[in-house]
Amino acid sequence: MLWAALCLGNSLLYAAPDCPVPAYAPRTTDRITDWYDLYLKPYRRLAGIPEGLSPTMDQIEAMIEKLETFHRRSSRDSLFFEALAQQIAVSYARASDFKGLDTLVAGKIYKPGPDLDFSTVCIDTKTTKSPDDTFAVTLFGMTSYDCEHIGLRGLVFTDTLINGAVNGGCRADHVYYKRLIFPVNAGTNTVTFLCRKDSNGCLR
């Protein structure tokens, strides 16, 4: 039992996330509604967005385009999340951990900085050495191309998880066909930036 725990290494330290990690099931289908239910709907629920009626195909396609634009913008700016990380650190400076932090709380803390749509990220806490000593910013529904070009590790955050693992790999896209003819990539990847508590921000 002890040997198994040692073999798993750091993966145990980041277990039990509040933000969902979708199961990977690559396939080609015209049912983009399946992609929405698996890779977008759970995060929108956590962001406090009322479910209402199920979105149409056109609305889901617009959501995909919005996510792609956000991912490319945030992944190419190495300091994009610096203001968010610093404001959370200041807000929790007198606390011993980040207990209670989630997407809704982070949205209330965040003021100046790049415009952030909190329906495009998921924020929760994780355990590194003690409970809730790390908070995480997760980008979801990311295409494999954008996932492979992530470059924020070490500049703002403590570490980066790709699909839930410290050394995880980016996966191929979930593809569906627009009008049953044109292939459209809908990402299946999650990228999570970790901020371990430090007196001046994220422990590096």
N, C-alpha and C. Protein backbone atom coordinates (compact mmCIF):
# COMPACT_ATOMS: atom_id res chain seq x y z
N MET A 1 0.83 -1.20 0.00
CA MET A 1 0.00 0.00 0.00
C MET A 1 0.87 1.26 0.00
N LEU A 2 1.88 1.26 0.88
CA LEU A 2 2.79 2.40 0.95
C LEU A 2 3.53 2.57 -0.37
N TRP A 3 3.94 1.44 -0.97
CA TRP A 3 4.67 1.50 -2.24
C TRP A 3 3.79 2.09 -3.33
N ALA A 4 2.52 1.71 -3.34
CA ALA A 4 1.60 2.26 -4.35
C ALA A 4 1.45 3.76 -4.18
N ALA A 5 1.37 4.21 -2.92
CA ALA A 5 1.24 5.65 -2.67
C ALA A 5 2.47 6.40 -3.13
N LEU A 6 3.65 5.81 -2.89
CA LEU A 6 4.89 6.46 -3.32
C LEU A 6 4.98 6.52 -4.83
N CYS A 7 4.52 5.48 -5.49
CA CYS A 7 4.56 5.45 -6.95
C CYS A 7 3.67 6.53 -7.56
N LEU A 8 2.54 6.78 -6.92
CA LEU A 8 1.64 7.79 -7.44
C LEU A 8 2.20 9.20 -7.27
N GLY A 9 3.07 9.39 -6.29
CA GLY A 9 3.76 10.66 -6.12
C GLY A 9 2.85 11.84 -5.96
N ASN A 10 3.17 12.93 -6.69
CA ASN A 10 2.46 14.19 -6.51
C ASN A 10 1.00 14.14 -6.92
N SER A 11 0.59 13.12 -7.70
CA SER A 11 -0.79 13.10 -8.14
C SER A 11 -1.76 13.04 -6.96
N LEU A 12 -1.35 12.43 -5.86
CA LEU A 12 -2.21 12.35 -4.68
C LEU A 12 -2.37 13.71 -4.01
N LEU A 13 -1.35 14.55 -4.14
CA LEU A 13 -1.38 15.84 -3.46
C LEU A 13 -2.47 16.75 -4.00
N TYR A 14 -2.83 16.54 -5.26
CA TYR A 14 -3.81 17.43 -5.87
C TYR A 14 -5.15 16.73 -6.08
N ALA A 15 -5.40 15.68 -5.31
CA ALA A 15 -6.62 14.90 -5.49
C ALA A 15 -7.85 15.65 -5.01
N ALA A 16 -9.00 15.11 -5.36
CA ALA A 16 -10.31 15.60 -4.93
C ALA A 16 -10.56 17.07 -5.27
N PRO A 17 -10.48 17.44 -6.56
CA PRO A 17 -10.74 18.82 -6.94
C PRO A 17 -12.23 19.13 -6.91
N ASP A 18 -12.57 20.39 -6.63
CA ASP A 18 -13.95 20.83 -6.72
C ASP A 18 -14.34 21.08 -8.17
N CYS A 19 -13.39 21.55 -8.96
CA CYS A 19 -13.64 21.76 -10.39
C CYS A 19 -13.64 20.40 -11.08
N PRO A 20 -14.62 20.14 -11.93
CA PRO A 20 -14.70 18.81 -12.56
C PRO A 20 -13.56 18.58 -13.55
N VAL A 21 -13.09 17.35 -13.61
CA VAL A 21 -12.12 16.94 -14.61
C VAL A 21 -12.83 15.96 -15.52
N PRO A 22 -13.23 16.39 -16.72
CA PRO A 22 -14.04 15.51 -17.57
C PRO A 22 -13.27 14.27 -18.01
N ALA A 23 -13.99 13.17 -18.11
CA ALA A 23 -13.39 11.93 -18.62
C ALA A 23 -13.12 12.11 -20.10
N TYR A 24 -11.98 11.60 -20.54
CA TYR A 24 -11.58 11.78 -21.94
C TYR A 24 -12.19 10.66 -22.78
N ALA A 25 -12.98 11.03 -23.75
CA ALA A 25 -13.61 10.05 -24.63
C ALA A 25 -13.60 10.59 -26.06
N PRO A 26 -12.43 10.51 -26.74
CA PRO A 26 -12.32 11.10 -28.07
C PRO A 26 -13.22 10.39 -29.08
N ARG A 27 -13.88 11.16 -29.89
CA ARG A 27 -14.69 10.58 -30.94
C ARG A 27 -15.08 11.66 -31.93
N THR A 28 -15.49 11.24 -33.10
CA THR A 28 -15.99 12.16 -34.11
C THR A 28 -17.49 12.02 -34.16
N THR A 29 -18.18 13.12 -33.97
CA THR A 29 -19.64 13.08 -33.92
C THR A 29 -20.21 14.41 -34.37
N ASP A 30 -21.46 14.38 -34.78
CA ASP A 30 -22.12 15.64 -35.13
C ASP A 30 -22.88 16.19 -33.93
N ARG A 31 -22.79 15.49 -32.79
CA ARG A 31 -23.55 15.90 -31.61
C ARG A 31 -22.69 16.80 -30.71
N ILE A 32 -22.58 18.05 -31.08
CA ILE A 32 -21.82 18.99 -30.28
C ILE A 32 -22.49 19.20 -28.92
N THR A 33 -23.77 18.84 -28.83
CA THR A 33 -24.45 18.94 -27.54
C THR A 33 -23.81 18.00 -26.52
N ASP A 34 -23.26 16.87 -26.99
CA ASP A 34 -22.55 15.96 -26.09
C ASP A 34 -21.32 16.66 -25.50
N TRP A 35 -20.60 17.37 -26.35
CA TRP A 35 -19.41 18.09 -25.89
C TRP A 35 -19.81 19.15 -24.85
N TYR A 36 -20.89 19.86 -25.12
CA TYR A 36 -21.35 20.89 -24.19
C TYR A 36 -21.67 20.27 -22.82
N ASP A 37 -22.39 19.16 -22.83
CA ASP A 37 -22.78 18.52 -21.57
C ASP A 37 -21.57 18.04 -20.78
N LEU A 38 -20.53 17.56 -21.47
CA LEU A 38 -19.36 16.99 -20.80
C LEU A 38 -18.34 18.04 -20.39
N TYR A 39 -18.07 19.00 -21.29
CA TYR A 39 -16.92 19.86 -21.11
C TYR A 39 -17.22 21.32 -20.79
N LEU A 40 -18.47 21.72 -20.87
CA LEU A 40 -18.79 23.13 -20.61
C LEU A 40 -19.85 23.33 -19.54
N LYS A 41 -20.89 22.56 -19.60
CA LYS A 41 -22.02 22.71 -18.68
C LYS A 41 -21.61 22.63 -17.20
N PRO A 42 -20.75 21.65 -16.78
CA PRO A 42 -20.40 21.58 -15.35
C PRO A 42 -19.69 22.83 -14.84
N TYR A 43 -18.86 23.46 -15.70
CA TYR A 43 -18.13 24.64 -15.28
C TYR A 43 -19.04 25.86 -15.21
N ARG A 44 -19.97 25.95 -16.14
CA ARG A 44 -20.92 27.06 -16.11
C ARG A 44 -21.78 26.99 -14.85
N ARG A 45 -22.12 25.79 -14.43
CA ARG A 45 -22.90 25.62 -13.21
C ARG A 45 -22.11 26.13 -12.01
N LEU A 46 -20.80 25.80 -11.96
CA LEU A 46 -19.96 26.25 -10.85
C LEU A 46 -19.77 27.76 -10.85
N ALA A 47 -19.84 28.37 -12.03
CA ALA A 47 -19.69 29.82 -12.14
C ALA A 47 -20.97 30.55 -11.75
N GLY A 48 -22.02 29.78 -11.43
CA GLY A 48 -23.28 30.39 -11.00
C GLY A 48 -24.18 30.82 -12.14
N ILE A 49 -23.93 30.30 -13.35
CA ILE A 49 -24.76 30.65 -14.50
C ILE A 49 -26.00 29.77 -14.50
N PRO A 50 -27.19 30.37 -14.45
CA PRO A 50 -28.42 29.56 -14.45
C PRO A 50 -28.49 28.68 -15.69
N GLU A 51 -28.94 27.46 -15.51
CA GLU A 51 -28.97 26.52 -16.63
C GLU A 51 -30.01 26.91 -17.67
N GLY A 52 -31.22 27.21 -17.25
CA GLY A 52 -32.25 27.61 -18.20
C GLY A 52 -32.47 26.54 -19.25
N LEU A 53 -32.85 26.97 -20.45
CA LEU A 53 -33.06 26.06 -21.56
C LEU A 53 -31.73 25.60 -22.13
N SER A 54 -31.70 24.41 -22.69
CA SER A 54 -30.49 23.91 -23.33
C SER A 54 -30.14 24.79 -24.52
N PRO A 55 -28.86 25.16 -24.69
CA PRO A 55 -28.48 26.03 -25.80
C PRO A 55 -28.63 25.32 -27.15
N THR A 56 -28.80 26.13 -28.17
CA THR A 56 -28.90 25.59 -29.52
C THR A 56 -27.51 25.26 -30.04
N MET A 57 -27.45 24.57 -31.18
CA MET A 57 -26.16 24.25 -31.81
C MET A 57 -25.38 25.53 -32.10
N ASP A 58 -26.06 26.54 -32.63
CA ASP A 58 -25.38 27.80 -32.95
C ASP A 58 -24.82 28.45 -31.69
N GLN A 59 -25.55 28.41 -30.59
CA GLN A 59 -25.09 29.00 -29.33
C GLN A 59 -23.86 28.25 -28.79
N ILE A 60 -23.88 26.93 -28.91
CA ILE A 60 -22.73 26.15 -28.45
C ILE A 60 -21.50 26.44 -29.30
N GLU A 61 -21.69 26.57 -30.61
CA GLU A 61 -20.58 26.91 -31.49
C GLU A 61 -20.01 28.28 -31.12
N ALA A 62 -20.87 29.22 -30.76
CA ALA A 62 -20.40 30.54 -30.33
C ALA A 62 -19.62 30.44 -29.03
N MET A 63 -20.05 29.56 -28.12
CA MET A 63 -19.32 29.35 -26.86
C MET A 63 -17.92 28.79 -27.13
N ILE A 64 -17.82 27.87 -28.08
CA ILE A 64 -16.53 27.29 -28.42
C ILE A 64 -15.59 28.37 -28.94
N GLU A 65 -16.09 29.21 -29.83
CA GLU A 65 -15.27 30.29 -30.38
C GLU A 65 -14.83 31.25 -29.27
N LYS A 66 -15.73 31.53 -28.35
CA LYS A 66 -15.39 32.42 -27.23
C LYS A 66 -14.30 31.80 -26.36
N LEU A 67 -14.41 30.50 -26.08
CA LEU A 67 -13.38 29.83 -25.29
C LEU A 67 -12.04 29.84 -26.00
N GLU A 68 -12.04 29.56 -27.29
CA GLU A 68 -10.78 29.54 -28.05
C GLU A 68 -10.11 30.91 -28.00
N THR A 69 -10.89 31.97 -28.17
CA THR A 69 -10.33 33.33 -28.12
C THR A 69 -9.72 33.60 -26.75
N PHE A 70 -10.44 33.22 -25.68
CA PHE A 70 -9.94 33.44 -24.32
C PHE A 70 -8.68 32.63 -24.06
N HIS A 71 -8.66 31.37 -24.48
CA HIS A 71 -7.49 30.52 -24.25
C HIS A 71 -6.25 31.05 -24.97
N ARG A 72 -6.43 31.49 -26.19
CA ARG A 72 -5.27 32.00 -26.93
C ARG A 72 -4.75 33.30 -26.32
N ARG A 73 -5.67 34.13 -25.88
CA ARG A 73 -5.27 35.39 -25.24
C ARG A 73 -4.53 35.13 -23.93
N SER A 74 -5.09 34.27 -23.09
CA SER A 74 -4.50 34.03 -21.77
C SER A 74 -3.23 33.20 -21.85
N SER A 75 -3.17 32.24 -22.77
CA SER A 75 -2.00 31.36 -22.84
C SER A 75 -0.80 32.04 -23.47
N ARG A 76 -1.02 33.11 -24.23
CA ARG A 76 0.11 33.80 -24.87
C ARG A 76 0.62 34.98 -24.05
N ASP A 77 -0.11 35.37 -23.02
CA ASP A 77 0.33 36.44 -22.12
C ASP A 77 0.75 35.81 -20.81
N SER A 78 2.05 35.75 -20.56
CA SER A 78 2.58 35.03 -19.40
C SER A 78 2.16 35.65 -18.07
N LEU A 79 1.68 36.91 -18.09
CA LEU A 79 1.27 37.57 -16.85
C LEU A 79 -0.24 37.82 -16.81
N PHE A 80 -0.98 37.14 -17.67
CA PHE A 80 -2.42 37.38 -17.79
C PHE A 80 -3.15 37.23 -16.46
N PHE A 81 -2.78 36.23 -15.67
CA PHE A 81 -3.47 35.96 -14.41
C PHE A 81 -2.74 36.54 -13.19
N GLU A 82 -1.73 37.36 -13.43
CA GLU A 82 -0.96 37.89 -12.30
C GLU A 82 -1.84 38.72 -11.36
N ALA A 83 -2.68 39.61 -11.92
CA ALA A 83 -3.53 40.46 -11.08
C ALA A 83 -4.48 39.60 -10.24
N LEU A 84 -5.06 38.58 -10.85
CA LEU A 84 -5.97 37.70 -10.11
C LEU A 84 -5.24 36.99 -8.98
N ALA A 85 -4.06 36.43 -9.27
CA ALA A 85 -3.30 35.70 -8.25
C ALA A 85 -2.89 36.63 -7.11
N GLN A 86 -2.45 37.84 -7.44
CA GLN A 86 -2.02 38.78 -6.41
C GLN A 86 -3.19 39.24 -5.54
N GLN A 87 -4.34 39.49 -6.16
CA GLN A 87 -5.49 39.95 -5.38
C GLN A 87 -6.02 38.86 -4.45
N ILE A 88 -5.99 37.62 -4.92
CA ILE A 88 -6.39 36.51 -4.04
C ILE A 88 -5.39 36.39 -2.89
N ALA A 89 -4.09 36.51 -3.20
CA ALA A 89 -3.05 36.40 -2.17
C ALA A 89 -3.23 37.49 -1.11
N VAL A 90 -3.52 38.71 -1.54
CA VAL A 90 -3.72 39.82 -0.59
C VAL A 90 -4.97 39.57 0.26
N SER A 91 -6.03 39.10 -0.39
CA SER A 91 -7.28 38.86 0.33
C SER A 91 -7.12 37.77 1.40
N TYR A 92 -6.24 36.80 1.14
CA TYR A 92 -6.04 35.69 2.07
C TYR A 92 -4.72 35.81 2.83
N ALA A 93 -4.13 37.01 2.84
CA ALA A 93 -2.81 37.19 3.45
C ALA A 93 -2.80 36.83 4.94
N ARG A 94 -3.85 37.15 5.66
CA ARG A 94 -3.89 36.88 7.10
C ARG A 94 -4.42 35.48 7.44
N ALA A 95 -4.87 34.77 6.43
CA ALA A 95 -5.37 33.40 6.65
C ALA A 95 -4.22 32.42 6.47
N SER A 96 -4.35 31.26 7.08
CA SER A 96 -3.29 30.25 6.97
C SER A 96 -3.42 29.43 5.70
N ASP A 97 -4.56 29.55 5.02
CA ASP A 97 -4.79 28.78 3.80
C ASP A 97 -5.82 29.50 2.93
N PHE A 98 -6.25 28.85 1.87
CA PHE A 98 -7.23 29.44 0.95
C PHE A 98 -8.62 28.82 1.13
N LYS A 99 -8.89 28.27 2.28
CA LYS A 99 -10.16 27.58 2.51
C LYS A 99 -11.34 28.49 2.17
N GLY A 100 -12.32 27.94 1.45
CA GLY A 100 -13.51 28.69 1.07
C GLY A 100 -13.43 29.37 -0.27
N LEU A 101 -12.24 29.38 -0.89
CA LEU A 101 -12.09 30.04 -2.18
C LEU A 101 -12.68 29.17 -3.29
N ASP A 102 -13.52 29.77 -4.11
CA ASP A 102 -14.03 29.10 -5.30
C ASP A 102 -14.23 30.16 -6.38
N THR A 103 -14.83 29.78 -7.48
CA THR A 103 -14.99 30.70 -8.60
C THR A 103 -15.81 31.93 -8.23
N LEU A 104 -16.90 31.73 -7.52
CA LEU A 104 -17.77 32.85 -7.15
C LEU A 104 -17.07 33.82 -6.21
N VAL A 105 -16.32 33.30 -5.23
CA VAL A 105 -15.58 34.15 -4.29
C VAL A 105 -14.49 34.91 -5.03
N ALA A 106 -13.77 34.23 -5.92
CA ALA A 106 -12.71 34.89 -6.69
C ALA A 106 -13.26 36.02 -7.55
N GLY A 107 -14.46 35.80 -8.11
CA GLY A 107 -15.08 36.84 -8.92
C GLY A 107 -15.39 38.09 -8.11
N LYS A 108 -15.71 37.93 -6.85
CA LYS A 108 -15.99 39.08 -5.98
C LYS A 108 -14.70 39.78 -5.55
N ILE A 109 -13.62 39.03 -5.41
CA ILE A 109 -12.32 39.59 -5.02
C ILE A 109 -11.71 40.40 -6.16
N TYR A 110 -11.85 39.91 -7.38
CA TYR A 110 -11.12 40.46 -8.53
C TYR A 110 -11.69 41.81 -8.94
N LYS A 111 -10.80 42.81 -9.03
CA LYS A 111 -11.21 44.14 -9.48
C LYS A 111 -10.41 44.58 -10.71
N PRO A 112 -9.29 45.33 -10.55
CA PRO A 112 -8.58 45.79 -11.74
C PRO A 112 -7.74 44.68 -12.35
N GLY A 113 -7.45 44.80 -13.62
CA GLY A 113 -6.65 43.81 -14.32
C GLY A 113 -7.32 43.45 -15.64
N PRO A 114 -6.76 42.45 -16.36
CA PRO A 114 -7.39 42.03 -17.62
C PRO A 114 -8.83 41.60 -17.39
N ASP A 115 -9.68 41.86 -18.37
CA ASP A 115 -11.09 41.51 -18.24
C ASP A 115 -11.23 39.99 -18.18
N LEU A 116 -11.77 39.49 -17.08
CA LEU A 116 -11.93 38.05 -16.90
C LEU A 116 -13.41 37.68 -16.88
N ASP A 117 -13.77 36.70 -17.69
CA ASP A 117 -15.12 36.14 -17.66
C ASP A 117 -15.02 34.88 -16.82
N PHE A 118 -15.60 34.90 -15.62
CA PHE A 118 -15.44 33.78 -14.70
C PHE A 118 -16.25 32.55 -15.10
N SER A 119 -16.96 32.62 -16.23
CA SER A 119 -17.57 31.41 -16.77
C SER A 119 -16.58 30.64 -17.63
N THR A 120 -15.40 31.22 -17.88
CA THR A 120 -14.39 30.56 -18.71
C THR A 120 -13.25 29.98 -17.88
N VAL A 121 -13.33 30.11 -16.56
CA VAL A 121 -12.32 29.51 -15.68
C VAL A 121 -13.03 28.84 -14.51
N CYS A 122 -12.33 27.97 -13.82
CA CYS A 122 -12.86 27.37 -12.61
C CYS A 122 -11.79 27.48 -11.54
N ILE A 123 -12.15 27.98 -10.37
CA ILE A 123 -11.18 28.20 -9.29
C ILE A 123 -11.60 27.37 -8.09
N ASP A 124 -10.64 26.64 -7.53
CA ASP A 124 -10.90 25.86 -6.33
C ASP A 124 -9.61 25.75 -5.53
N THR A 125 -9.65 25.03 -4.43
CA THR A 125 -8.46 24.85 -3.59
C THR A 125 -7.99 23.40 -3.67
N LYS A 126 -6.70 23.23 -3.42
CA LYS A 126 -6.09 21.90 -3.43
C LYS A 126 -5.15 21.78 -2.24
N THR A 127 -4.64 20.59 -2.03
CA THR A 127 -3.74 20.31 -0.93
C THR A 127 -2.37 19.92 -1.46
N THR A 128 -1.34 20.65 -1.02
CA THR A 128 0.03 20.29 -1.37
C THR A 128 0.72 19.69 -0.16
N LYS A 129 0.90 20.50 0.88
CA LYS A 129 1.49 19.99 2.13
C LYS A 129 0.50 20.02 3.28
N SER A 130 -0.47 20.91 3.19
CA SER A 130 -1.53 20.97 4.21
C SER A 130 -2.83 21.31 3.49
N PRO A 131 -3.98 20.99 4.08
CA PRO A 131 -5.26 21.21 3.39
C PRO A 131 -5.47 22.66 2.96
N ASP A 132 -5.90 22.82 1.72
CA ASP A 132 -6.27 24.13 1.16
C ASP A 132 -5.11 25.12 1.12
N ASP A 133 -3.86 24.64 1.10
CA ASP A 133 -2.71 25.55 1.05
C ASP A 133 -2.39 26.01 -0.36
N THR A 134 -3.17 25.56 -1.35
CA THR A 134 -2.94 25.90 -2.75
C THR A 134 -4.29 26.21 -3.40
N PHE A 135 -4.31 27.27 -4.23
CA PHE A 135 -5.52 27.45 -5.03
C PHE A 135 -5.17 27.20 -6.49
N ALA A 136 -6.19 26.87 -7.26
CA ALA A 136 -5.97 26.47 -8.65
C ALA A 136 -6.91 27.22 -9.58
N VAL A 137 -6.37 27.63 -10.72
CA VAL A 137 -7.16 28.26 -11.78
C VAL A 137 -7.17 27.29 -12.95
N THR A 138 -8.34 26.77 -13.29
CA THR A 138 -8.44 25.76 -14.35
C THR A 138 -9.10 26.34 -15.59
N LEU A 139 -8.42 26.15 -16.73
CA LEU A 139 -8.99 26.46 -18.03
C LEU A 139 -9.52 25.16 -18.61
N PHE A 140 -10.72 25.15 -19.12
CA PHE A 140 -11.35 23.91 -19.56
C PHE A 140 -11.76 24.01 -21.02
N GLY A 141 -12.00 22.86 -21.64
CA GLY A 141 -12.41 22.85 -23.04
C GLY A 141 -11.35 23.41 -23.96
N MET A 142 -10.07 23.14 -23.68
CA MET A 142 -8.98 23.71 -24.46
C MET A 142 -8.55 22.77 -25.58
N THR A 143 -8.39 23.30 -26.78
CA THR A 143 -7.93 22.47 -27.89
C THR A 143 -6.51 22.00 -27.63
N SER A 144 -6.13 20.90 -28.28
CA SER A 144 -4.79 20.36 -28.07
C SER A 144 -3.72 21.36 -28.52
N TYR A 145 -3.97 22.12 -29.58
CA TYR A 145 -2.99 23.10 -30.05
C TYR A 145 -2.72 24.15 -28.98
N ASP A 146 -3.78 24.73 -28.42
CA ASP A 146 -3.59 25.75 -27.38
C ASP A 146 -2.99 25.15 -26.12
N CYS A 147 -3.39 23.93 -25.79
CA CYS A 147 -2.84 23.25 -24.62
C CYS A 147 -1.32 23.09 -24.74
N GLU A 148 -0.86 22.76 -25.93
CA GLU A 148 0.57 22.53 -26.15
C GLU A 148 1.38 23.82 -26.13
N HIS A 149 0.72 24.97 -26.18
CA HIS A 149 1.43 26.25 -26.19
C HIS A 149 1.28 27.03 -24.89
N ILE A 150 0.88 26.33 -23.82
CA ILE A 150 0.78 26.99 -22.52
C ILE A 150 2.17 27.33 -22.02
N GLY A 151 2.35 28.57 -21.53
CA GLY A 151 3.68 28.98 -21.07
C GLY A 151 3.66 29.82 -19.81
N LEU A 152 2.73 29.57 -18.89
CA LEU A 152 2.63 30.41 -17.70
C LEU A 152 3.36 29.85 -16.49
N ARG A 153 3.87 28.63 -16.58
CA ARG A 153 4.50 28.00 -15.42
C ARG A 153 5.72 28.80 -14.96
N GLY A 154 5.81 29.05 -13.66
CA GLY A 154 7.01 29.66 -13.08
C GLY A 154 7.01 31.17 -13.07
N LEU A 155 6.21 31.82 -13.90
CA LEU A 155 6.20 33.28 -13.93
C LEU A 155 5.24 33.85 -12.89
N VAL A 156 4.07 33.25 -12.77
CA VAL A 156 3.10 33.69 -11.79
C VAL A 156 2.79 32.56 -10.82
N PHE A 157 2.65 31.37 -11.34
CA PHE A 157 2.16 30.25 -10.55
C PHE A 157 3.27 29.31 -10.09
N THR A 158 2.92 28.46 -9.13
CA THR A 158 3.85 27.50 -8.58
C THR A 158 4.11 26.35 -9.55
N ASP A 159 3.05 25.88 -10.18
CA ASP A 159 3.18 24.75 -11.10
C ASP A 159 1.95 24.69 -11.99
N THR A 160 1.99 23.80 -12.97
CA THR A 160 0.90 23.65 -13.92
C THR A 160 0.54 22.18 -14.07
N LEU A 161 -0.76 21.90 -14.06
CA LEU A 161 -1.24 20.55 -14.32
C LEU A 161 -1.88 20.51 -15.71
N ILE A 162 -1.54 19.51 -16.48
CA ILE A 162 -2.18 19.28 -17.77
C ILE A 162 -3.06 18.04 -17.62
N ASN A 163 -4.35 18.23 -17.79
CA ASN A 163 -5.31 17.13 -17.62
C ASN A 163 -5.13 16.43 -16.27
N GLY A 164 -4.92 17.24 -15.23
CA GLY A 164 -4.91 16.74 -13.87
C GLY A 164 -3.59 16.19 -13.38
N ALA A 165 -2.52 16.25 -14.18
CA ALA A 165 -1.24 15.67 -13.77
C ALA A 165 -0.11 16.68 -13.94
N VAL A 166 0.89 16.59 -13.06
CA VAL A 166 2.04 17.50 -13.13
C VAL A 166 2.76 17.39 -14.46
N ASN A 167 2.94 16.17 -14.94
CA ASN A 167 3.61 15.96 -16.22
C ASN A 167 2.63 15.41 -17.26
N GLY A 168 1.38 15.83 -17.16
CA GLY A 168 0.36 15.32 -18.07
C GLY A 168 0.55 15.82 -19.50
N GLY A 169 0.04 15.05 -20.44
CA GLY A 169 0.14 15.42 -21.84
C GLY A 169 -1.18 15.96 -22.37
N CYS A 170 -1.09 16.77 -23.43
CA CYS A 170 -2.28 17.30 -24.08
C CYS A 170 -2.89 16.21 -24.96
N ARG A 171 -4.21 16.20 -25.03
CA ARG A 171 -4.92 15.17 -25.78
C ARG A 171 -5.47 15.71 -27.09
N ALA A 172 -5.77 14.79 -27.97
CA ALA A 172 -6.34 15.18 -29.26
C ALA A 172 -7.72 15.79 -29.06
N ASP A 173 -8.15 16.55 -30.04
CA ASP A 173 -9.42 17.26 -29.93
C ASP A 173 -10.63 16.35 -30.12
N HIS A 174 -11.70 16.80 -29.53
CA HIS A 174 -13.02 16.22 -29.79
C HIS A 174 -13.51 16.94 -31.05
N VAL A 175 -13.79 16.19 -32.11
CA VAL A 175 -14.18 16.80 -33.39
C VAL A 175 -15.65 16.54 -33.66
N TYR A 176 -16.35 17.56 -34.10
CA TYR A 176 -17.70 17.36 -34.58
C TYR A 176 -17.82 18.06 -35.93
N TYR A 177 -18.89 17.80 -36.64
CA TYR A 177 -19.04 18.35 -37.98
C TYR A 177 -20.16 19.38 -38.03
N LYS A 178 -19.77 20.58 -38.44
CA LYS A 178 -20.74 21.65 -38.60
C LYS A 178 -21.49 21.42 -39.91
N ARG A 179 -22.81 21.42 -39.81
CA ARG A 179 -23.65 21.12 -40.98
C ARG A 179 -23.30 19.77 -41.59
N LEU A 180 -22.76 18.89 -40.74
CA LEU A 180 -22.41 17.53 -41.14
C LEU A 180 -21.30 17.46 -42.19
N ILE A 181 -20.64 18.59 -42.45
CA ILE A 181 -19.60 18.63 -43.49
C ILE A 181 -18.28 19.18 -42.95
N PHE A 182 -18.34 20.33 -42.27
CA PHE A 182 -17.12 21.04 -41.90
C PHE A 182 -16.65 20.62 -40.51
N PRO A 183 -15.42 20.08 -40.40
CA PRO A 183 -14.93 19.66 -39.07
C PRO A 183 -14.61 20.85 -38.19
N VAL A 184 -15.00 20.77 -36.93
CA VAL A 184 -14.73 21.81 -35.94
C VAL A 184 -14.10 21.15 -34.73
N ASN A 185 -12.98 21.71 -34.27
CA ASN A 185 -12.30 21.18 -33.08
C ASN A 185 -12.92 21.78 -31.82
N ALA A 186 -13.36 20.92 -30.93
CA ALA A 186 -13.85 21.35 -29.62
C ALA A 186 -12.94 20.71 -28.59
N GLY A 187 -12.22 21.52 -27.83
CA GLY A 187 -11.18 20.99 -26.97
C GLY A 187 -11.67 20.09 -25.86
N THR A 188 -10.83 19.16 -25.48
CA THR A 188 -11.14 18.25 -24.37
C THR A 188 -10.19 18.45 -23.20
N ASN A 189 -9.20 19.31 -23.34
CA ASN A 189 -8.15 19.44 -22.34
C ASN A 189 -8.50 20.40 -21.21
N THR A 190 -7.98 20.09 -20.02
CA THR A 190 -8.02 21.04 -18.91
C THR A 190 -6.58 21.38 -18.52
N VAL A 191 -6.34 22.67 -18.31
CA VAL A 191 -5.03 23.16 -17.88
C VAL A 191 -5.24 23.90 -16.57
N THR A 192 -4.50 23.50 -15.54
CA THR A 192 -4.70 24.05 -14.20
C THR A 192 -3.42 24.68 -13.69
N PHE A 193 -3.50 25.96 -13.32
CA PHE A 193 -2.36 26.67 -12.74
C PHE A 193 -2.49 26.65 -11.22
N LEU A 194 -1.43 26.25 -10.54
CA LEU A 194 -1.44 26.11 -9.09
C LEU A 194 -0.69 27.25 -8.43
N CYS A 195 -1.27 27.80 -7.36
CA CYS A 195 -0.63 28.85 -6.57
C CYS A 195 -0.54 28.37 -5.13
N ARG A 196 0.64 27.95 -4.73
CA ARG A 196 0.83 27.52 -3.35
C ARG A 196 1.08 28.73 -2.47
N LYS A 197 0.45 28.77 -1.31
CA LYS A 197 0.44 29.96 -0.44
C LYS A 197 1.85 30.37 -0.04
N ASP A 198 2.12 31.65 -0.20
CA ASP A 198 3.39 32.26 0.20
C ASP A 198 3.06 33.66 0.73
N SER A 199 3.97 34.24 1.46
CA SER A 199 3.70 35.56 2.05
C SER A 199 3.54 36.65 1.00
N ASN A 200 4.16 36.46 -0.18
CA ASN A 200 4.11 37.50 -1.21
C ASN A 200 3.37 37.07 -2.47
N GLY A 201 2.56 36.06 -2.39
CA GLY A 201 1.85 35.60 -3.59
C GLY A 201 1.95 34.09 -3.72
N CYS A 202 2.35 33.64 -4.90
CA CYS A 202 2.48 32.20 -5.14
C CYS A 202 3.91 31.75 -4.87
N LEU A 203 4.06 30.67 -4.15
CA LEU A 203 5.38 30.11 -3.87
C LEU A 203 6.00 29.61 -5.15
N ARG A 204 7.21 30.08 -5.45
CA ARG A 204 7.89 29.66 -6.69
C ARG A 204 9.15 28.88 -6.35
